[in-house]
Structures are given as C-alpha cells and as structure tokens.
Protein backbone atom coordinates (compact mmCIF):
# COMPACT_ATOMS: atom_id res chain seq x y z
CA UNK A 1 0.00 0.00 0.00
CA UNK A 2 1.33 3.42 -0.93
CA UNK A 3 1.50 6.06 1.78
CA UNK A 4 1.23 9.83 2.10
CA UNK A 5 1.56 12.32 4.94
CA UNK A 6 -0.40 15.56 4.92
CA UNK A 7 1.42 18.39 6.69
CA UNK A 8 -1.23 20.76 8.01
CA UNK A 9 -4.09 18.29 8.24
CA UNK A 10 -6.48 20.79 9.84
CA UNK A 11 -6.57 23.05 6.79
CA UNK A 12 -9.34 22.72 4.22
CA UNK A 13 -7.11 21.65 1.32
CA UNK A 14 -5.13 19.27 3.52
CA UNK A 15 -8.28 17.55 4.75
CA UNK A 16 -9.65 17.33 1.20
CA UNK A 17 -6.42 15.75 -0.03
CA UNK A 18 -6.44 13.29 2.87
CA UNK A 19 -9.98 12.16 2.05
CA UNK A 20 -9.14 11.77 -1.64
CA UNK A 21 -6.04 9.68 -0.99
CA UNK A 22 -7.88 7.53 1.54
CA UNK A 23 -10.59 6.89 -1.04
CA UNK A 24 -7.87 5.92 -3.53
CA UNK A 25 -6.53 3.27 -1.15
CA UNK A 26 -3.51 5.04 0.31
CA UNK A 27 -2.33 4.84 3.91
CA UNK A 28 -2.74 8.45 5.03
CA UNK A 29 -1.09 10.19 7.97
CA UNK A 30 -2.07 13.67 9.12
CA UNK A 31 0.45 15.95 10.84
CA UNK A 32 -0.63 18.91 12.96
CA UNK A 33 -0.65 20.52 16.38
CA UNK A 34 -4.08 19.03 17.07
CA UNK A 35 -6.59 16.70 15.47
CA UNK A 36 -9.47 19.18 15.25
CA UNK A 37 -11.55 17.32 12.69
CA UNK A 38 -10.80 13.56 12.87
CA UNK A 39 -11.06 11.78 9.53
CA UNK A 40 -12.01 8.08 9.63
CA UNK A 41 -9.11 5.88 8.51
CA UNK A 42 -6.46 8.55 8.96
CA UNK A 43 -3.50 8.14 11.33
CA UNK A 44 -2.80 11.36 13.21
CA UNK A 45 0.68 12.43 14.35
CA UNK A 46 0.89 15.39 16.68
CA UNK A 47 3.69 17.86 15.95
CA UNK A 48 4.68 21.44 15.29
CA UNK A 49 5.69 22.47 11.76
CA UNK A 50 8.25 24.84 13.28
CA UNK A 51 10.15 21.76 14.45
CA UNK A 52 12.07 20.40 11.44
CA UNK A 53 13.10 17.23 13.26
CA UNK A 54 9.49 16.51 14.24
CA UNK A 55 8.41 16.88 10.62
CA UNK A 56 11.30 14.74 9.38
CA UNK A 57 10.41 11.98 11.84
CA UNK A 58 6.72 12.13 10.87
CA UNK A 59 7.56 11.98 7.16
CA UNK A 60 9.76 8.93 7.72
CA UNK A 61 9.39 6.40 4.91
CA UNK A 62 6.15 7.69 3.44
CA UNK A 63 6.02 7.66 -0.34
CA UNK A 64 4.45 11.10 -0.73
CA UNK A 65 4.26 14.37 1.20
CA UNK A 66 1.45 16.90 0.84
CA UNK A 67 2.27 20.40 2.09
CA UNK A 68 -0.97 22.00 3.25
CA UNK A 69 0.73 24.18 5.85
CA UNK A 70 -0.29 27.80 5.88
CA UNK A 71 0.00 30.89 8.03
CA UNK A 72 -2.71 33.35 9.09
CA UNK A 73 -3.19 35.74 6.19
CA UNK A 74 -1.56 38.73 7.87
CA UNK A 75 1.49 36.72 8.96
CA UNK A 76 2.90 36.02 5.51
CA UNK A 77 5.23 39.01 5.65
CA UNK A 78 8.74 39.57 7.01
CA UNK A 79 9.96 36.35 5.45
CA UNK A 80 7.74 34.09 7.55
CA UNK A 81 6.09 32.36 4.60
CA UNK A 82 9.47 31.67 3.02
CA UNK A 83 10.85 30.44 6.35
CA UNK A 84 7.99 27.96 6.67
CA UNK A 85 8.76 26.67 3.18
CA UNK A 86 12.46 26.29 3.97
CA UNK A 87 11.58 24.17 7.01
CA UNK A 88 9.53 21.78 4.88
CA UNK A 89 12.39 21.53 2.39
CA UNK A 90 14.82 20.91 5.24
CA UNK A 91 12.55 18.19 6.69
CA UNK A 92 12.57 16.40 3.33
CA UNK A 93 16.35 16.71 3.11
CA UNK A 94 17.85 15.03 0.05
CA UNK A 95 15.38 12.12 -0.04
CA UNK A 96 14.09 12.97 -3.52
CA UNK A 97 10.54 12.41 -2.29
CA UNK A 98 7.56 13.76 -4.18
CA UNK A 99 6.06 16.85 -2.54
CA UNK A 100 2.54 17.89 -3.53
CA UNK A 101 1.69 21.57 -3.15
CA UNK A 102 -1.41 23.71 -3.80
CA UNK A 103 -0.70 26.98 -5.63
CA UNK A 104 -2.92 29.98 -6.32
CA UNK A 105 -3.32 32.81 -8.84
CA UNK A 106 -1.54 35.48 -6.80
CA UNK A 107 1.59 35.01 -8.94
CA UNK A 108 -0.05 36.56 -12.00
CA UNK A 109 -0.92 40.08 -13.11
CA UNK A 110 -4.37 41.57 -12.74
CA UNK A 111 -4.38 42.09 -16.51
CA UNK A 112 -3.88 38.37 -17.20
CA UNK A 113 -7.17 36.94 -18.39
CA UNK A 114 -6.30 33.34 -19.33
CA UNK A 115 -3.61 31.92 -17.06
CA UNK A 116 -1.61 28.97 -18.38
CA UNK A 117 1.41 27.24 -16.79
CA UNK A 118 3.86 28.65 -19.33
CA UNK A 119 2.96 32.30 -18.70
CA UNK A 120 5.46 34.67 -17.06
CA UNK A 121 4.60 35.42 -13.45
CA UNK A 122 4.07 39.14 -12.83
CA UNK A 123 2.50 39.43 -9.38
CA UNK A 124 0.14 42.33 -8.79
CA UNK A 125 0.73 42.58 -5.03
CA UNK A 126 3.40 41.96 -2.40
CA UNK A 127 1.48 38.83 -1.44
CA UNK A 128 1.93 37.56 -4.98
CA UNK A 129 5.65 38.31 -4.78
CA UNK A 130 5.81 36.15 -1.66
CA UNK A 131 4.16 33.28 -3.51
CA UNK A 132 6.67 33.59 -6.35
CA UNK A 133 9.56 33.42 -3.88
CA UNK A 134 8.03 30.35 -2.21
CA UNK A 135 7.70 28.55 -5.53
CA UNK A 136 11.26 29.50 -6.47
CA UNK A 137 12.50 27.88 -3.26
CA UNK A 138 10.80 24.66 -4.32
CA UNK A 139 12.12 25.01 -7.85
CA UNK A 140 15.67 25.34 -6.53
CA UNK A 141 15.28 22.27 -4.30
CA UNK A 142 13.89 20.28 -7.23
CA UNK A 143 16.77 21.43 -9.45
CA UNK A 144 19.23 20.12 -6.84
CA UNK A 145 17.45 16.75 -6.91
CA UNK A 146 16.41 17.06 -3.27
CA UNK A 147 12.72 16.58 -4.08
CA UNK A 148 10.12 16.40 -6.82
CA UNK A 149 7.59 19.23 -6.60
CA UNK A 150 4.17 18.69 -8.15
CA UNK A 151 2.03 21.79 -7.80
CA UNK A 152 -1.59 22.29 -8.77
CA UNK A 153 -2.66 25.91 -8.97
CA UNK A 154 -6.34 26.52 -8.29
CA UNK A 155 -8.94 29.20 -7.66
CA UNK A 156 -10.87 29.88 -4.45
CA UNK A 157 -11.70 26.75 -2.47
CA UNK A 158 -15.20 25.58 -1.58
CA UNK A 159 -16.73 22.30 -0.51
CA UNK A 160 -18.93 20.55 2.05
CA UNK A 161 -16.17 20.13 4.65
CA UNK A 162 -14.49 23.49 4.07
CA UNK A 163 -14.22 26.28 6.63
CA UNK A 164 -12.66 29.73 6.55
CA UNK A 165 -13.62 30.21 2.92
CA UNK A 166 -15.94 32.68 1.20
CA UNK A 167 -19.02 30.52 1.76
CA UNK A 168 -18.84 30.30 5.54
CA UNK A 169 -17.10 33.64 6.16
CA UNK A 170 -19.21 35.86 3.92
CA UNK A 171 -21.92 34.37 1.75
CA UNK A 172 -23.75 32.02 4.11
CA UNK A 173 -23.31 33.81 7.44
CA UNK A 174 -27.03 34.67 7.61
CA UNK A 175 -28.41 31.51 6.04
CA UNK A 176 -30.28 30.78 9.26
CA UNK A 177 -32.25 33.96 8.60
CA UNK A 178 -32.93 32.97 5.01
CA UNK A 179 -30.37 35.44 3.61
CA UNK A 180 -27.54 34.73 1.19
CA UNK A 181 -24.93 37.29 0.10
CA UNK A 182 -23.21 36.47 -3.20
CA UNK A 183 -19.51 37.21 -3.55
CA UNK A 184 -18.15 38.90 -6.67
CA UNK A 185 -18.58 41.72 -9.15
CA UNK A 186 -21.64 41.57 -11.43
CA UNK A 187 -20.86 39.83 -14.70
CA UNK A 188 -17.22 39.09 -13.83
CA UNK A 189 -16.35 35.39 -13.86
CA UNK A 190 -14.23 34.01 -11.02
CA UNK A 191 -12.21 30.81 -10.61
CA UNK A 192 -13.50 28.35 -7.99
CA UNK A 193 -12.01 24.98 -6.99
CA UNK A 194 -14.33 22.34 -5.53
CA UNK A 195 -12.15 20.71 -2.89
CA UNK A 196 -13.21 17.07 -3.44
CA UNK A 197 -12.32 17.49 -7.13
CA UNK A 198 -9.00 19.17 -6.33
CA UNK A 199 -8.14 16.36 -3.92
CA UNK A 200 -8.84 13.78 -6.64
CA UNK A 201 -6.72 15.80 -9.07
CA UNK A 202 -3.77 15.55 -6.70
CA UNK A 203 -4.24 11.77 -6.59
CA UNK A 204 -4.14 11.64 -10.40
CA UNK A 205 -1.00 13.77 -10.57
CA UNK A 206 0.69 11.77 -7.80
CA UNK A 207 0.00 8.52 -9.62
CA UNK A 208 1.65 9.93 -12.76
CA UNK A 209 4.74 11.18 -10.88
CA UNK A 210 7.23 8.78 -12.45
CA UNK A 211 6.38 10.25 -15.87
CA UNK A 212 6.67 13.85 -14.72
CA UNK A 213 9.54 16.28 -14.29
CA UNK A 214 11.27 17.38 -11.10
CA UNK A 215 9.17 20.57 -10.95
CA UNK A 216 5.68 20.68 -12.41
CA UNK A 217 3.21 23.58 -12.39
CA UNK A 218 -0.30 22.40 -13.29
CA UNK A 219 -3.35 24.68 -13.52
CA UNK A 220 -6.70 23.32 -12.32
CA UNK A 221 -9.61 24.76 -14.31
CA UNK A 222 -12.25 24.07 -11.68
CA UNK A 223 -15.36 26.18 -12.25
CA UNK A 224 -15.04 29.61 -13.90
CA UNK A 225 -18.42 31.24 -13.29
CA UNK A 226 -20.02 34.64 -12.82
CA UNK A 227 -21.64 35.59 -9.50
CA UNK A 228 -24.98 35.39 -11.28
CA UNK A 229 -24.29 31.72 -12.07
CA UNK A 230 -23.20 31.21 -8.48
CA UNK A 231 -26.41 32.80 -7.23
CA UNK A 232 -28.49 30.55 -9.48
CA UNK A 233 -26.70 27.44 -8.20
CA UNK A 234 -27.25 28.44 -4.56
CA UNK A 235 -30.87 29.38 -5.24
CA UNK A 236 -31.52 25.95 -6.75
CA UNK A 237 -30.50 24.36 -3.43
CA UNK A 238 -31.99 27.00 -1.13
CA UNK A 239 -35.28 26.75 0.78
CA UNK A 240 -38.21 28.56 -0.75
CA UNK A 241 -38.33 32.21 0.19
CA UNK A 242 -34.57 32.67 0.57
CA UNK A 243 -33.41 36.21 -0.11
CA UNK A 244 -30.27 37.13 -2.05
CA UNK A 245 -27.98 40.13 -2.00
CA UNK A 246 -24.30 40.96 -2.49
CA UNK A 247 -21.35 40.74 -0.14
CA UNK A 248 -20.53 44.36 0.71
CA UNK A 249 -16.89 44.32 -0.37
CA UNK A 250 -16.65 48.08 0.04
CA UNK A 251 -16.58 47.61 3.78
CA UNK A 252 -13.43 45.43 3.75
CA UNK A 253 -10.96 48.37 3.63
CA UNK A 254 -12.82 50.10 6.46
CA UNK A 255 -12.65 47.02 8.68
CA UNK A 256 -9.03 46.70 7.62
CA UNK A 257 -8.23 49.90 9.49
CA UNK A 258 -8.44 47.86 12.71
CA UNK A 259 -8.26 44.25 11.49
CA UNK A 260 -4.94 43.15 9.89
CA UNK A 261 -6.48 40.09 8.23
CA UNK A 262 -9.21 42.14 6.56
CA UNK A 263 -6.63 44.75 5.59
CA UNK A 264 -4.76 42.14 3.55
CA UNK A 265 -7.95 40.66 2.11
CA UNK A 266 -8.94 44.12 0.86
CA UNK A 267 -5.68 44.34 -1.09
CA UNK A 268 -6.73 41.30 -3.13
CA UNK A 269 -9.93 42.92 -4.48
CA UNK A 270 -8.51 42.80 -8.03
CA UNK A 271 -9.16 39.03 -8.07
CA UNK A 272 -12.91 39.73 -8.04
CA UNK A 273 -12.88 42.69 -10.41
CA UNK A 274 -10.89 40.95 -13.15
CA UNK A 275 -11.74 37.61 -14.82
CA UNK A 276 -8.66 35.35 -14.42
CA UNK A 277 -9.27 31.89 -15.87
CA UNK A 278 -6.98 28.93 -15.21
CA UNK A 279 -6.37 26.67 -18.22
CA UNK A 280 -4.08 23.68 -18.67
CA UNK A 281 -4.78 21.17 -21.50
CA UNK A 282 -1.99 18.96 -20.14
CA UNK A 283 -3.69 18.56 -16.77
CA UNK A 284 -7.09 18.18 -18.43
CA UNK A 285 -5.71 15.26 -20.44
CA UNK A 286 -4.29 13.68 -17.29
CA UNK A 287 -7.60 14.01 -15.42
CA UNK A 288 -9.70 12.73 -18.31
CA UNK A 289 -13.13 13.82 -19.61
CA UNK A 290 -16.00 14.75 -17.31
CA UNK A 291 -13.68 14.90 -14.30
CA UNK A 292 -15.22 17.88 -12.51
CA UNK A 293 -18.32 17.59 -10.36
CA UNK A 294 -21.09 19.62 -12.06
CA UNK A 295 -21.15 23.11 -10.59
CA UNK A 296 -24.74 22.95 -9.38
CA UNK A 297 -24.09 19.65 -7.63
CA UNK A 298 -20.90 20.96 -6.02
CA UNK A 299 -22.60 24.12 -4.76
CA UNK A 300 -25.58 22.15 -3.46
CA UNK A 301 -23.28 19.88 -1.43
CA UNK A 302 -21.47 22.93 -0.06
CA UNK A 303 -24.52 24.91 1.04
CA UNK A 304 -26.62 21.98 2.28
CA UNK A 305 -25.23 22.12 5.87
CA UNK A 306 -26.00 25.83 6.11
CA UNK A 307 -29.59 25.39 4.99
CA UNK A 308 -29.99 22.34 7.26
CA UNK A 309 -29.05 24.57 10.21
CA UNK A 310 -31.59 27.11 9.02
CA UNK A 311 -34.35 24.48 9.01
CA UNK A 312 -33.38 23.36 12.52
CA UNK A 313 -33.50 26.95 13.74
CA UNK A 314 -36.93 27.55 12.20
C-alpha cells in the first residue's frame, strides 16, 4: 500500500487531499498541532511544523508528502512564509521524495485573463511576490534533486467540509435567517475549486509522478463562473423564500483599518474585479473527460449544511 503524509491536516485543502487519498486506497497520515476534525481511517501524528526534526520523523518512509501548511493571512510578511517553506524543504532533506503543493493565482498580473502554466509570473501585489519566492525555493530544491515538486494551482476553495472560505465567512453567514450574500462583481467570472475534485486531481497527478519532471506547475480549471451563475446554483439548493444580496466588499478596507487580516484581504480585491481563468490542457488530459463535479451539484453539497441549520432553527 502506498503512503502519504499531509502536513497541516487541519486546513481545508489538507483535509480534502487526505480524504481523496484515503478513497484511492492510500495509507494516510495527518500531521498537525491538534486533530481538530478527525477523519475516519487517517492516522494522526501530533507535531509542530516549526520543528524540522518533528516533521522529518513524521515523514519517515512515506512515499508522498502533501504540504498543506499555511499561516494566518496577515502573517505572511517579514519572510515568515518563506521560512515555513524552507523548514519543509529541510525536513525532506535530500530524499528525492515527491512533494505535492497547492498553488494559487496570486503570482499573476491583474491584466492576465487566461492563465496557463507557461505564462510569465508578474504578481500584482506583495502577497503575490511572496508566492513567487516560495515557488522558487521549491524550484531550486527540485533542481538540486532534493525533491520532486508537483504543484496544482487553483482558484478559491469551496466544498462541504471546508471552513474559513468565502461561503462560511461571507456568503452564508445569515443563512439561518434565510439570507444569502453572493460574492463577486456583477458579470465578472471568477475561478473556484471544488475541494473534493481538487483532492482527486492531486491523486491523479501523484499517480503519474514517475512520468513527470522534477518541478511541475499544473493549472486546475475548476469552475469559472459569474456571480450570477453562483447565485443561481445556490438558489436551486436554497429553501423557498430565501433572499439574495451581495457581499458588501466596500466595507473590507474600512474594517481593515483595525483588522490586519481584513486589511490584507482588501488588497486582493482585483481578483474579483478581473476575470482570471486557469487553463491547462496537459492537466485536463491527465484528469480525463467529465472529471469535474457539475457546478450545481458541487454548490448544493457545499450549502446543504448551512440550509440544514436554518431548518433546525426555524
């Protein structure tokens, strides 16, 4: 049986990857400071990602490593994001192991409309510059032969087990009252990644690793939809009489005056005001036809728990 360890098991993408690899028959270990959301079949190892030796011991002889570690949004600066990356690279040492890593669109310019893996990276913000530096650290380690880095770049996460995303933080916060606020700018399509699909995509890429290079940058198309399409998908799953509005993004900079997390979120507004579509025929061929869960089905699975709570509260 092949094995994988997920560093940062409590994060939404880490948990999604763990579930996908378990479903594919892998022995899965989760590494984190606590086991907040136990996953049936997963072996949990308690440890701190700041401790390189603890990570190295947890990784042990596993075949694959998934890096789902992250930092609070406002703590990426002052080299902390890069330092976290260097600790993961140090924990892997010169084993040559395959490291799976989720990327995002921050690396690209606001004027980029169709984003493909071969495009030059021209980050629009300091946060994008950080992501470029992180990826370059992995690229250098892969070039030395220390590891194989397989990255899948994706849009905003959503899914039935996800937390701290736009659904639970903004759009569905008043679902108990029958209110839904849709995120986005009217008519502007946005890239979304349904986490169960993204997890399965990582399984597919991992299983092809012997045919891939030392550093691979794949782009996951996911669902590229307008907020009007998003609203229609939520409405189709919503109880009768639900009311719809828009997330008041104008208030983010105001809250940011006192909240450092919101301050940094406000700086990323260009991602909603500009259509930035991820395309990658190479990954599409690897995943095969009809891979993605239909958007309406994915949204319905995501919002169902919120509307279930609303019915219980009624």
